[in-house]
PDB file of N, CA and C in Angstrom:
ATOM      1  N   UNK A   1      12.154  33.397 -43.710  1.00  0.00           N
ATOM      2  CA  UNK A   1      12.495  33.020 -42.366  1.00  0.00           C
ATOM      3  C   UNK A   1      11.823  31.701 -41.992  1.00  0.00           C
ATOM      4  N   UNK A   2      12.513  30.965 -41.162  1.00  0.00           N
ATOM      5  CA  UNK A   2      11.963  29.686 -40.725  1.00  0.00           C
ATOM      6  C   UNK A   2      11.046  29.912 -39.530  1.00  0.00           C
ATOM      7  N   UNK A   3       9.952  29.200 -39.567  1.00  0.00           N
ATOM      8  CA  UNK A   3       9.011  29.331 -38.453  1.00  0.00           C
ATOM      9  C   UNK A   3       9.395  28.364 -37.345  1.00  0.00           C
ATOM     10  N   UNK A   4       9.119  28.746 -36.125  1.00  0.00           N
ATOM     11  CA  UNK A   4       9.400  27.888 -34.978  1.00  0.00           C
ATOM     12  C   UNK A   4       8.403  26.733 -34.966  1.00  0.00           C
ATOM     13  N   UNK A   5       8.918  25.554 -34.583  1.00  0.00           N
ATOM     14  CA  UNK A   5       8.037  24.395 -34.514  1.00  0.00           C
ATOM     15  C   UNK A   5       7.117  24.517 -33.306  1.00  0.00           C
ATOM     16  N   UNK A   6       5.847  24.173 -33.468  1.00  0.00           N
ATOM     17  CA  UNK A   6       4.953  24.227 -32.297  1.00  0.00           C
ATOM     18  C   UNK A   6       5.349  23.140 -31.294  1.00  0.00           C
ATOM     19  N   UNK A   7       5.296  23.487 -30.032  1.00  0.00           N
ATOM     20  CA  UNK A   7       5.658  22.511 -28.996  1.00  0.00           C
ATOM     21  C   UNK A   7       4.470  21.625 -28.702  1.00  0.00           C
ATOM     22  N   UNK A   8       4.766  20.430 -28.401  1.00  0.00           N
ATOM     23  CA  UNK A   8       3.726  19.477 -28.054  1.00  0.00           C
ATOM     24  C   UNK A   8       3.554  19.518 -26.535  1.00  0.00           C
ATOM     25  N   UNK A   9       2.484  20.110 -26.089  1.00  0.00           N
ATOM     26  CA  UNK A   9       2.298  20.314 -24.644  1.00  0.00           C
ATOM     27  C   UNK A   9       2.101  18.996 -23.912  1.00  0.00           C
ATOM     28  N   UNK A  10       1.588  17.982 -24.608  1.00  0.00           N
ATOM     29  CA  UNK A  10       1.362  16.705 -23.945  1.00  0.00           C
ATOM     30  C   UNK A  10       2.691  16.067 -23.556  1.00  0.00           C
ATOM     31  N   UNK A  11       3.692  16.117 -24.446  1.00  0.00           N
ATOM     32  CA  UNK A  11       5.006  15.566 -24.119  1.00  0.00           C
ATOM     33  C   UNK A  11       5.669  16.341 -22.989  1.00  0.00           C
ATOM     34  N   UNK A  12       5.478  17.650 -22.972  1.00  0.00           N
ATOM     35  CA  UNK A  12       6.058  18.473 -21.918  1.00  0.00           C
ATOM     36  C   UNK A  12       5.434  18.116 -20.570  1.00  0.00           C
ATOM     37  N   UNK A  13       4.107  17.908 -20.544  1.00  0.00           N
ATOM     38  CA  UNK A  13       3.439  17.531 -19.302  1.00  0.00           C
ATOM     39  C   UNK A  13       3.943  16.190 -18.794  1.00  0.00           C
ATOM     40  N   UNK A  14       4.167  15.262 -19.727  1.00  0.00           N
ATOM     41  CA  UNK A  14       4.648  13.943 -19.332  1.00  0.00           C
ATOM     42  C   UNK A  14       6.052  14.043 -18.733  1.00  0.00           C
ATOM     43  N   UNK A  15       6.902  14.862 -19.348  1.00  0.00           N
ATOM     44  CA  UNK A  15       8.251  15.044 -18.803  1.00  0.00           C
ATOM     45  C   UNK A  15       8.191  15.663 -17.412  1.00  0.00           C
ATOM     46  N   UNK A  16       7.296  16.622 -17.229  1.00  0.00           N
ATOM     47  CA  UNK A  16       7.157  17.259 -15.917  1.00  0.00           C
ATOM     48  C   UNK A  16       6.722  16.242 -14.870  1.00  0.00           C
ATOM     49  N   UNK A  17       5.800  15.370 -15.252  1.00  0.00           N
ATOM     50  CA  UNK A  17       5.330  14.342 -14.328  1.00  0.00           C
ATOM     51  C   UNK A  17       6.459  13.386 -13.966  1.00  0.00           C
ATOM     52  N   UNK A  18       7.251  12.989 -14.958  1.00  0.00           N
ATOM     53  CA  UNK A  18       8.367  12.091 -14.697  1.00  0.00           C
ATOM     54  C   UNK A  18       9.390  12.739 -13.772  1.00  0.00           C
ATOM     55  N   UNK A  19       9.627  14.033 -13.961  1.00  0.00           N
ATOM     56  CA  UNK A  19      10.587  14.732 -13.109  1.00  0.00           C
ATOM     57  C   UNK A  19      10.120  14.773 -11.660  1.00  0.00           C
ATOM     58  N   UNK A  20       8.835  14.943 -11.454  1.00  0.00           N
ATOM     59  CA  UNK A  20       8.313  14.988 -10.092  1.00  0.00           C
ATOM     60  C   UNK A  20       8.446  13.639  -9.403  1.00  0.00           C
ATOM     61  N   UNK A  21       8.255  12.559 -10.135  1.00  0.00           N
ATOM     62  CA  UNK A  21       8.335  11.230  -9.555  1.00  0.00           C
ATOM     63  C   UNK A  21       9.766  10.762  -9.343  1.00  0.00           C
ATOM     64  N   UNK A  22      10.705  11.440  -9.968  1.00  0.00           N
ATOM     65  CA  UNK A  22      12.088  11.037  -9.820  1.00  0.00           C
ATOM     66  C   UNK A  22      12.589  10.265 -11.018  1.00  0.00           C
ATOM     67  N   UNK A  23      12.027  10.511 -12.181  1.00  0.00           N
ATOM     68  CA  UNK A  23      12.479   9.826 -13.383  1.00  0.00           C
ATOM     69  C   UNK A  23      11.620   8.615 -13.697  1.00  0.00           C
ATOM     70  N   UNK A  24      12.033   7.908 -14.687  1.00  0.00           N
ATOM     71  CA  UNK A  24      11.255   6.743 -15.106  1.00  0.00           C
ATOM     72  C   UNK A  24      11.351   5.612 -14.102  1.00  0.00           C
ATOM     73  N   UNK A  25      12.501   5.461 -13.465  1.00  0.00           N
ATOM     74  CA  UNK A  25      12.669   4.392 -12.485  1.00  0.00           C
ATOM     75  C   UNK A  25      12.840   5.001 -11.094  1.00  0.00           C
ATOM     76  N   UNK A  26      11.867   5.763 -10.665  1.00  0.00           N
ATOM     77  CA  UNK A  26      11.988   6.507  -9.432  1.00  0.00           C
ATOM     78  C   UNK A  26      11.847   5.677  -8.177  1.00  0.00           C
ATOM     79  N   UNK A  27      10.959   4.712  -8.200  1.00  0.00           N
ATOM     80  CA  UNK A  27      10.697   3.951  -6.984  1.00  0.00           C
ATOM     81  C   UNK A  27      11.226   2.541  -7.094  1.00  0.00           C
ATOM     82  N   UNK A  28      11.630   2.038  -5.957  1.00  0.00           N
ATOM     83  CA  UNK A  28      12.044   0.646  -5.874  1.00  0.00           C
ATOM     84  C   UNK A  28      10.799  -0.209  -5.738  1.00  0.00           C
ATOM     85  N   UNK A  29      10.730  -1.361  -6.351  1.00  0.00           N
ATOM     86  CA  UNK A  29       9.546  -2.195  -6.190  1.00  0.00           C
ATOM     87  C   UNK A  29       9.444  -2.699  -4.751  1.00  0.00           C
ATOM     88  N   UNK A  30       8.223  -2.785  -4.267  1.00  0.00           N
ATOM     89  CA  UNK A  30       8.020  -3.267  -2.903  1.00  0.00           C
ATOM     90  C   UNK A  30       8.180  -4.779  -2.876  1.00  0.00           C
ATOM     91  N   UNK A  31       8.787  -5.263  -1.831  1.00  0.00           N
ATOM     92  CA  UNK A  31       9.012  -6.697  -1.686  1.00  0.00           C
ATOM     93  C   UNK A  31       8.210  -7.181  -0.488  1.00  0.00           C
ATOM     94  N   UNK A  32       7.574  -8.312  -0.646  1.00  0.00           N
ATOM     95  CA  UNK A  32       6.728  -8.867   0.416  1.00  0.00           C
ATOM     96  C   UNK A  32       7.583  -9.204   1.638  1.00  0.00           C
ATOM     97  N   UNK A  33       7.265  -8.634   2.813  1.00  0.00           N
ATOM     98  CA  UNK A  33       8.059  -8.931   4.011  1.00  0.00           C
ATOM     99  C   UNK A  33       7.894 -10.372   4.489  1.00  0.00           C
ATOM    100  N   UNK A  34       6.804 -11.014   4.081  1.00  0.00           N
ATOM    101  CA  UNK A  34       6.581 -12.394   4.494  1.00  0.00           C
ATOM    102  C   UNK A  34       7.391 -13.357   3.625  1.00  0.00           C
ATOM    103  N   UNK A  35       7.530 -13.042   2.334  1.00  0.00           N
ATOM    104  CA  UNK A  35       8.322 -13.890   1.432  1.00  0.00           C
ATOM    105  C   UNK A  35       9.810 -13.811   1.748  1.00  0.00           C
ATOM    106  N   UNK A  36      10.275 -12.638   2.160  1.00  0.00           N
ATOM    107  CA  UNK A  36      11.702 -12.478   2.460  1.00  0.00           C
ATOM    108  C   UNK A  36      12.081 -13.076   3.807  1.00  0.00           C
ATOM    109  N   UNK A  37      11.101 -13.436   4.613  1.00  0.00           N
ATOM    110  CA  UNK A  37      11.386 -14.010   5.921  1.00  0.00           C
ATOM    111  C   UNK A  37      11.531 -12.963   7.005  1.00  0.00           C
ATOM    112  N   UNK A  38      11.262 -11.716   6.655  1.00  0.00           N
ATOM    113  CA  UNK A  38      11.368 -10.618   7.612  1.00  0.00           C
ATOM    114  C   UNK A  38      10.272 -10.723   8.682  1.00  0.00           C
ATOM    115  N   UNK A  39       9.080 -11.146   8.263  1.00  0.00           N
ATOM    116  CA  UNK A  39       7.951 -11.329   9.170  1.00  0.00           C
ATOM    117  C   UNK A  39       7.250 -12.632   8.839  1.00  0.00           C
ATOM    118  N   UNK A  40       6.380 -13.055   9.748  1.00  0.00           N
ATOM    119  CA  UNK A  40       5.592 -14.254   9.495  1.00  0.00           C
ATOM    120  C   UNK A  40       4.153 -14.005   9.919  1.00  0.00           C
ATOM    121  N   UNK A  41       3.222 -14.557   9.125  1.00  0.00           N
ATOM    122  CA  UNK A  41       1.811 -14.519   9.516  1.00  0.00           C
ATOM    123  C   UNK A  41       1.625 -15.746  10.391  1.00  0.00           C
ATOM    124  N   UNK A  42       1.970 -15.612  11.658  1.00  0.00           N
ATOM    125  CA  UNK A  42       1.957 -16.772  12.534  1.00  0.00           C
ATOM    126  C   UNK A  42       0.581 -17.021  13.115  1.00  0.00           C
ATOM    127  N   UNK A  43       0.027 -16.047  13.804  1.00  0.00           N
ATOM    128  CA  UNK A  43      -1.280 -16.280  14.398  1.00  0.00           C
ATOM    129  C   UNK A  43      -2.055 -14.980  14.505  1.00  0.00           C
ATOM    130  N   UNK A  44      -3.304 -15.133  14.807  1.00  0.00           N
ATOM    131  CA  UNK A  44      -4.204 -13.997  14.959  1.00  0.00           C
ATOM    132  C   UNK A  44      -3.968 -13.273  16.271  1.00  0.00           C
ATOM    133  N   UNK A  45      -3.152 -13.814  17.156  1.00  0.00           N
ATOM    134  CA  UNK A  45      -2.948 -13.216  18.483  1.00  0.00           C
ATOM    135  C   UNK A  45      -1.993 -12.032  18.477  1.00  0.00           C
ATOM    136  N   UNK A  46      -1.200 -11.893  17.428  1.00  0.00           N
ATOM    137  CA  UNK A  46      -0.202 -10.822  17.370  1.00  0.00           C
ATOM    138  C   UNK A  46      -0.850  -9.544  16.841  1.00  0.00           C
ATOM    139  N   UNK A  47      -1.515  -8.815  17.709  1.00  0.00           N
ATOM    140  CA  UNK A  47      -2.245  -7.609  17.327  1.00  0.00           C
ATOM    141  C   UNK A  47      -1.357  -6.494  16.828  1.00  0.00           C
ATOM    142  N   UNK A  48      -0.169  -6.361  17.391  1.00  0.00           N
ATOM    143  CA  UNK A  48       0.744  -5.289  16.987  1.00  0.00           C
ATOM    144  C   UNK A  48       1.181  -5.468  15.534  1.00  0.00           C
ATOM    145  N   UNK A  49       1.471  -6.706  15.138  1.00  0.00           N
ATOM    146  CA  UNK A  49       1.883  -6.962  13.759  1.00  0.00           C
ATOM    147  C   UNK A  49       0.705  -6.733  12.804  1.00  0.00           C
ATOM    148  N   UNK A  50      -0.487  -7.143  13.204  1.00  0.00           N
ATOM    149  CA  UNK A  50      -1.663  -7.002  12.340  1.00  0.00           C
ATOM    150  C   UNK A  50      -2.055  -5.541  12.164  1.00  0.00           C
ATOM    151  N   UNK A  51      -1.813  -4.710  13.151  1.00  0.00           N
ATOM    152  CA  UNK A  51      -2.167  -3.285  13.055  1.00  0.00           C
ATOM    153  C   UNK A  51      -1.365  -2.557  11.984  1.00  0.00           C
ATOM    154  N   UNK A  52      -0.210  -3.086  11.604  1.00  0.00           N
ATOM    155  CA  UNK A  52       0.580  -2.483  10.518  1.00  0.00           C
ATOM    156  C   UNK A  52      -0.139  -2.585   9.182  1.00  0.00           C
ATOM    157  N   UNK A  53      -1.056  -3.535   9.068  1.00  0.00           N
ATOM    158  CA  UNK A  53      -1.718  -3.792   7.797  1.00  0.00           C
ATOM    159  C   UNK A  53      -3.174  -3.344   7.776  1.00  0.00           C
ATOM    160  N   UNK A  54      -3.592  -2.552   8.775  1.00  0.00           N
ATOM    161  CA  UNK A  54      -4.926  -1.961   8.755  1.00  0.00           C
ATOM    162  C   UNK A  54      -4.792  -0.443   8.840  1.00  0.00           C
ATOM    163  N   UNK A  55      -5.772   0.263   8.271  1.00  0.00           N
ATOM    164  CA  UNK A  55      -5.721   1.726   8.232  1.00  0.00           C
ATOM    165  C   UNK A  55      -6.179   2.321   9.559  1.00  0.00           C
ATOM    166  N   UNK A  56      -6.205   3.654   9.612  1.00  0.00           N
ATOM    167  CA  UNK A  56      -6.666   4.350  10.816  1.00  0.00           C
ATOM    168  C   UNK A  56      -8.130   4.068  11.095  1.00  0.00           C
ATOM    169  N   UNK A  57      -8.883   3.813  10.046  1.00  0.00           N
ATOM    170  CA  UNK A  57     -10.301   3.506  10.216  1.00  0.00           C
ATOM    171  C   UNK A  57     -10.540   2.008  10.277  1.00  0.00           C
ATOM    172  N   UNK A  58      -9.481   1.230  10.507  1.00  0.00           N
ATOM    173  CA  UNK A  58      -9.518  -0.220  10.714  1.00  0.00           C
ATOM    174  C   UNK A  58      -9.915  -1.009   9.472  1.00  0.00           C
ATOM    175  N   UNK A  59      -9.623  -0.473   8.289  1.00  0.00           N
ATOM    176  CA  UNK A  59      -9.836  -1.234   7.053  1.00  0.00           C
ATOM    177  C   UNK A  59      -8.543  -1.949   6.691  1.00  0.00           C
ATOM    178  N   UNK A  60      -8.656  -3.085   6.049  1.00  0.00           N
ATOM    179  CA  UNK A  60      -7.474  -3.823   5.613  1.00  0.00           C
ATOM    180  C   UNK A  60      -6.853  -3.068   4.449  1.00  0.00           C
ATOM    181  N   UNK A  61      -5.557  -2.771   4.550  1.00  0.00           N
ATOM    182  CA  UNK A  61      -4.873  -2.005   3.516  1.00  0.00           C
ATOM    183  C   UNK A  61      -4.640  -2.868   2.273  1.00  0.00           C
ATOM    184  N   UNK A  62      -4.701  -2.273   1.077  1.00  0.00           N
ATOM    185  CA  UNK A  62      -4.513  -3.049  -0.152  1.00  0.00           C
ATOM    186  C   UNK A  62      -3.051  -3.416  -0.383  1.00  0.00           C
ATOM    187  N   UNK A  63      -2.843  -4.367  -1.270  1.00  0.00           N
ATOM    188  CA  UNK A  63      -1.493  -4.849  -1.591  1.00  0.00           C
ATOM    189  C   UNK A  63      -0.601  -3.756  -2.125  1.00  0.00           C
ATOM    190  N   UNK A  64      -1.144  -2.883  -2.942  1.00  0.00           N
ATOM    191  CA  UNK A  64      -0.312  -1.836  -3.553  1.00  0.00           C
ATOM    192  C   UNK A  64       0.240  -0.879  -2.515  1.00  0.00           C
ATOM    193  N   UNK A  65      -0.390  -0.805  -1.380  1.00  0.00           N
ATOM    194  CA  UNK A  65       0.075   0.095  -0.320  1.00  0.00           C
ATOM    195  C   UNK A  65       1.050  -0.585   0.637  1.00  0.00           C
ATOM    196  N   UNK A  66       0.829  -1.877   0.906  1.00  0.00           N
ATOM    197  CA  UNK A  66       1.675  -2.578   1.873  1.00  0.00           C
ATOM    198  C   UNK A  66       2.828  -3.329   1.230  1.00  0.00           C
ATOM    199  N   UNK A  67       2.697  -3.697  -0.059  1.00  0.00           N
ATOM    200  CA  UNK A  67       3.754  -4.429  -0.734  1.00  0.00           C
ATOM    201  C   UNK A  67       3.728  -5.920  -0.474  1.00  0.00           C
ATOM    202  N   UNK A  68       2.620  -6.436   0.014  1.00  0.00           N
ATOM    203  CA  UNK A  68       2.496  -7.864   0.303  1.00  0.00           C
ATOM    204  C   UNK A  68       2.075  -8.595  -0.972  1.00  0.00           C
ATOM    205  N   UNK A  69       2.579  -9.809  -1.179  1.00  0.00           N
ATOM    206  CA  UNK A  69       2.204 -10.577  -2.371  1.00  0.00           C
ATOM    207  C   UNK A  69       0.774 -11.101  -2.218  1.00  0.00           C
ATOM    208  N   UNK A  70       0.190 -11.594  -3.301  1.00  0.00           N
ATOM    209  CA  UNK A  70      -1.215 -12.018  -3.314  1.00  0.00           C
ATOM    210  C   UNK A  70      -1.470 -13.164  -2.335  1.00  0.00           C
ATOM    211  N   UNK A  71      -0.557 -14.113  -2.301  1.00  0.00           N
ATOM    212  CA  UNK A  71      -0.719 -15.275  -1.420  1.00  0.00           C
ATOM    213  C   UNK A  71      -0.778 -14.851   0.037  1.00  0.00           C
ATOM    214  N   UNK A  72       0.145 -13.981   0.440  1.00  0.00           N
ATOM    215  CA  UNK A  72       0.183 -13.555   1.834  1.00  0.00           C
ATOM    216  C   UNK A  72      -0.906 -12.531   2.147  1.00  0.00           C
ATOM    217  N   UNK A  73      -1.366 -11.782   1.148  1.00  0.00           N
ATOM    218  CA  UNK A  73      -2.464 -10.837   1.381  1.00  0.00           C
ATOM    219  C   UNK A  73      -3.739 -11.597   1.746  1.00  0.00           C
ATOM    220  N   UNK A  74      -3.999 -12.695   1.044  1.00  0.00           N
ATOM    221  CA  UNK A  74      -5.187 -13.509   1.362  1.00  0.00           C
ATOM    222  C   UNK A  74      -5.079 -14.082   2.765  1.00  0.00           C
ATOM    223  N   UNK A  75      -3.896 -14.586   3.099  1.00  0.00           N
ATOM    224  CA  UNK A  75      -3.686 -15.166   4.427  1.00  0.00           C
ATOM    225  C   UNK A  75      -3.779 -14.095   5.520  1.00  0.00           C
ATOM    226  N   UNK A  76      -3.237 -12.928   5.225  1.00  0.00           N
ATOM    227  CA  UNK A  76      -3.273 -11.819   6.165  1.00  0.00           C
ATOM    228  C   UNK A  76      -4.699 -11.343   6.402  1.00  0.00           C
ATOM    229  N   UNK A  77      -5.498 -11.256   5.334  1.00  0.00           N
ATOM    230  CA  UNK A  77      -6.892 -10.825   5.464  1.00  0.00           C
ATOM    231  C   UNK A  77      -7.684 -11.802   6.328  1.00  0.00           C
ATOM    232  N   UNK A  78      -7.469 -13.083   6.125  1.00  0.00           N
ATOM    233  CA  UNK A  78      -8.168 -14.092   6.934  1.00  0.00           C
ATOM    234  C   UNK A  78      -7.752 -13.991   8.401  1.00  0.00           C
ATOM    235  N   UNK A  79      -6.464 -13.746   8.644  1.00  0.00           N
ATOM    236  CA  UNK A  79      -5.959 -13.615  10.016  1.00  0.00           C
ATOM    237  C   UNK A  79      -6.521 -12.370  10.695  1.00  0.00           C
ATOM    238  N   UNK A  80      -6.602 -11.262   9.958  1.00  0.00           N
ATOM    239  CA  UNK A  80      -7.160 -10.026  10.516  1.00  0.00           C
ATOM    240  C   UNK A  80      -8.630 -10.216  10.856  1.00  0.00           C
ATOM    241  N   UNK A  81      -9.366 -10.882   9.986  1.00  0.00           N
ATOM    242  CA  UNK A  81     -10.785 -11.125  10.242  1.00  0.00           C
ATOM    243  C   UNK A  81     -10.984 -12.014  11.468  1.00  0.00           C
ATOM    244  N   UNK A  82     -10.113 -12.997  11.627  1.00  0.00           N
ATOM    245  CA  UNK A  82     -10.185 -13.872  12.787  1.00  0.00           C
ATOM    246  C   UNK A  82      -9.898 -13.080  14.065  1.00  0.00           C
ATOM    247  N   UNK A  83      -8.921 -12.182  14.027  1.00  0.00           N
ATOM    248  CA  UNK A  83      -8.584 -11.358  15.189  1.00  0.00           C
ATOM    249  C   UNK A  83      -9.708 -10.383  15.515  1.00  0.00           C
ATOM    250  N   UNK A  84     -10.433  -9.918  14.499  1.00  0.00           N
ATOM    251  CA  UNK A  84     -11.569  -9.026  14.742  1.00  0.00           C
ATOM    252  C   UNK A  84     -12.688  -9.744  15.466  1.00  0.00           C
ATOM    253  N   UNK A  85     -12.954 -10.978  15.077  1.00  0.00           N
ATOM    254  CA  UNK A  85     -14.014 -11.757  15.714  1.00  0.00           C
ATOM    255  C   UNK A  85     -13.709 -11.957  17.193  1.00  0.00           C
ATOM    256  N   UNK A  86     -12.443 -12.164  17.503  1.00  0.00           N
ATOM    257  CA  UNK A  86     -12.041 -12.383  18.892  1.00  0.00           C
ATOM    258  C   UNK A  86     -11.719 -11.086  19.634  1.00  0.00           C
ATOM    259  N   UNK A  87     -11.971  -9.939  19.002  1.00  0.00           N
ATOM    260  CA  UNK A  87     -11.798  -8.607  19.592  1.00  0.00           C
ATOM    261  C   UNK A  87     -10.360  -8.315  19.989  1.00  0.00           C
ATOM    262  N   UNK A  88      -9.401  -8.859  19.265  1.00  0.00           N
ATOM    263  CA  UNK A  88      -7.994  -8.531  19.503  1.00  0.00           C
ATOM    264  C   UNK A  88      -7.652  -7.210  18.831  1.00  0.00           C
ATOM    265  N   UNK A  89      -8.210  -6.978  17.645  1.00  0.00           N
ATOM    266  CA  UNK A  89      -8.092  -5.690  16.969  1.00  0.00           C
ATOM    267  C   UNK A  89      -9.508  -5.183  16.710  1.00  0.00           C
ATOM    268  N   UNK A  90      -9.704  -3.871  16.627  1.00  0.00           N
ATOM    269  CA  UNK A  90     -11.058  -3.342  16.472  1.00  0.00           C
ATOM    270  C   UNK A  90     -11.649  -3.621  15.089  1.00  0.00           C
ATOM    271  N   UNK A  91     -12.965  -3.757  15.062  1.00  0.00           N
ATOM    272  CA  UNK A  91     -13.656  -3.927  13.789  1.00  0.00           C
ATOM    273  C   UNK A  91     -13.700  -2.586  13.071  1.00  0.00           C
ATOM    274  N   UNK A  92     -14.018  -1.530  13.790  1.00  0.00           N
ATOM    275  CA  UNK A  92     -13.954  -0.175  13.231  1.00  0.00           C
ATOM    276  C   UNK A  92     -13.407   0.749  14.301  1.00  0.00           C
ATOM    277  N   UNK A  93     -12.740   1.789  13.847  1.00  0.00           N
ATOM    278  CA  UNK A  93     -12.277   2.841  14.749  1.00  0.00           C
ATOM    279  C   UNK A  93     -13.351   3.904  14.821  1.00  0.00           C
ATOM    280  N   UNK A  94     -13.327   4.674  15.872  1.00  0.00           N
ATOM    281  CA  UNK A  94     -14.285   5.764  15.991  1.00  0.00           C
ATOM    282  C   UNK A  94     -13.951   6.803  14.942  1.00  0.00           C
ATOM    283  N   UNK A  95     -14.916   7.141  14.122  1.00  0.00           N
ATOM    284  CA  UNK A  95     -14.712   8.097  13.054  1.00  0.00           C
ATOM    285  C   UNK A  95     -15.214   9.458  13.505  1.00  0.00           C
ATOM    286  N   UNK A  96     -14.319  10.423  13.554  1.00  0.00           N
ATOM    287  CA  UNK A  96     -14.667  11.761  14.012  1.00  0.00           C
ATOM    288  C   UNK A  96     -14.925  12.628  12.798  1.00  0.00           C
ATOM    289  N   UNK A  97     -16.113  13.189  12.692  1.00  0.00           N
ATOM    290  CA  UNK A  97     -16.453  14.071  11.592  1.00  0.00           C
ATOM    291  C   UNK A  97     -16.610  15.493  12.109  1.00  0.00           C
ATOM    292  N   UNK A  98     -16.231  16.451  11.281  1.00  0.00           N
ATOM    293  CA  UNK A  98     -16.336  17.849  11.699  1.00  0.00           C
ATOM    294  C   UNK A  98     -17.563  18.477  11.124  1.00  0.00           C
TER     295      UNK A  98
END
């Protein structure tokens, strides 16, 4: 009688992970909203636009989370820091611990 081939659990785990993500090409790449012309880093006075790029605890969000290119991320970080100095956006949010 022929013996059954042992399954490779590592390949099975990888397939399971791919299925959860939606396949190999599950996500669309993020496109910089500033490069497409959708938004502009115009000035430090636009607090509402800058708040989209800071977290709940008032930290600057990373590129991988916002989809901003490196050039605009540097410009955005400088603009956020300038707005913090002028108290347009908070330096830190109140952190509530339980």
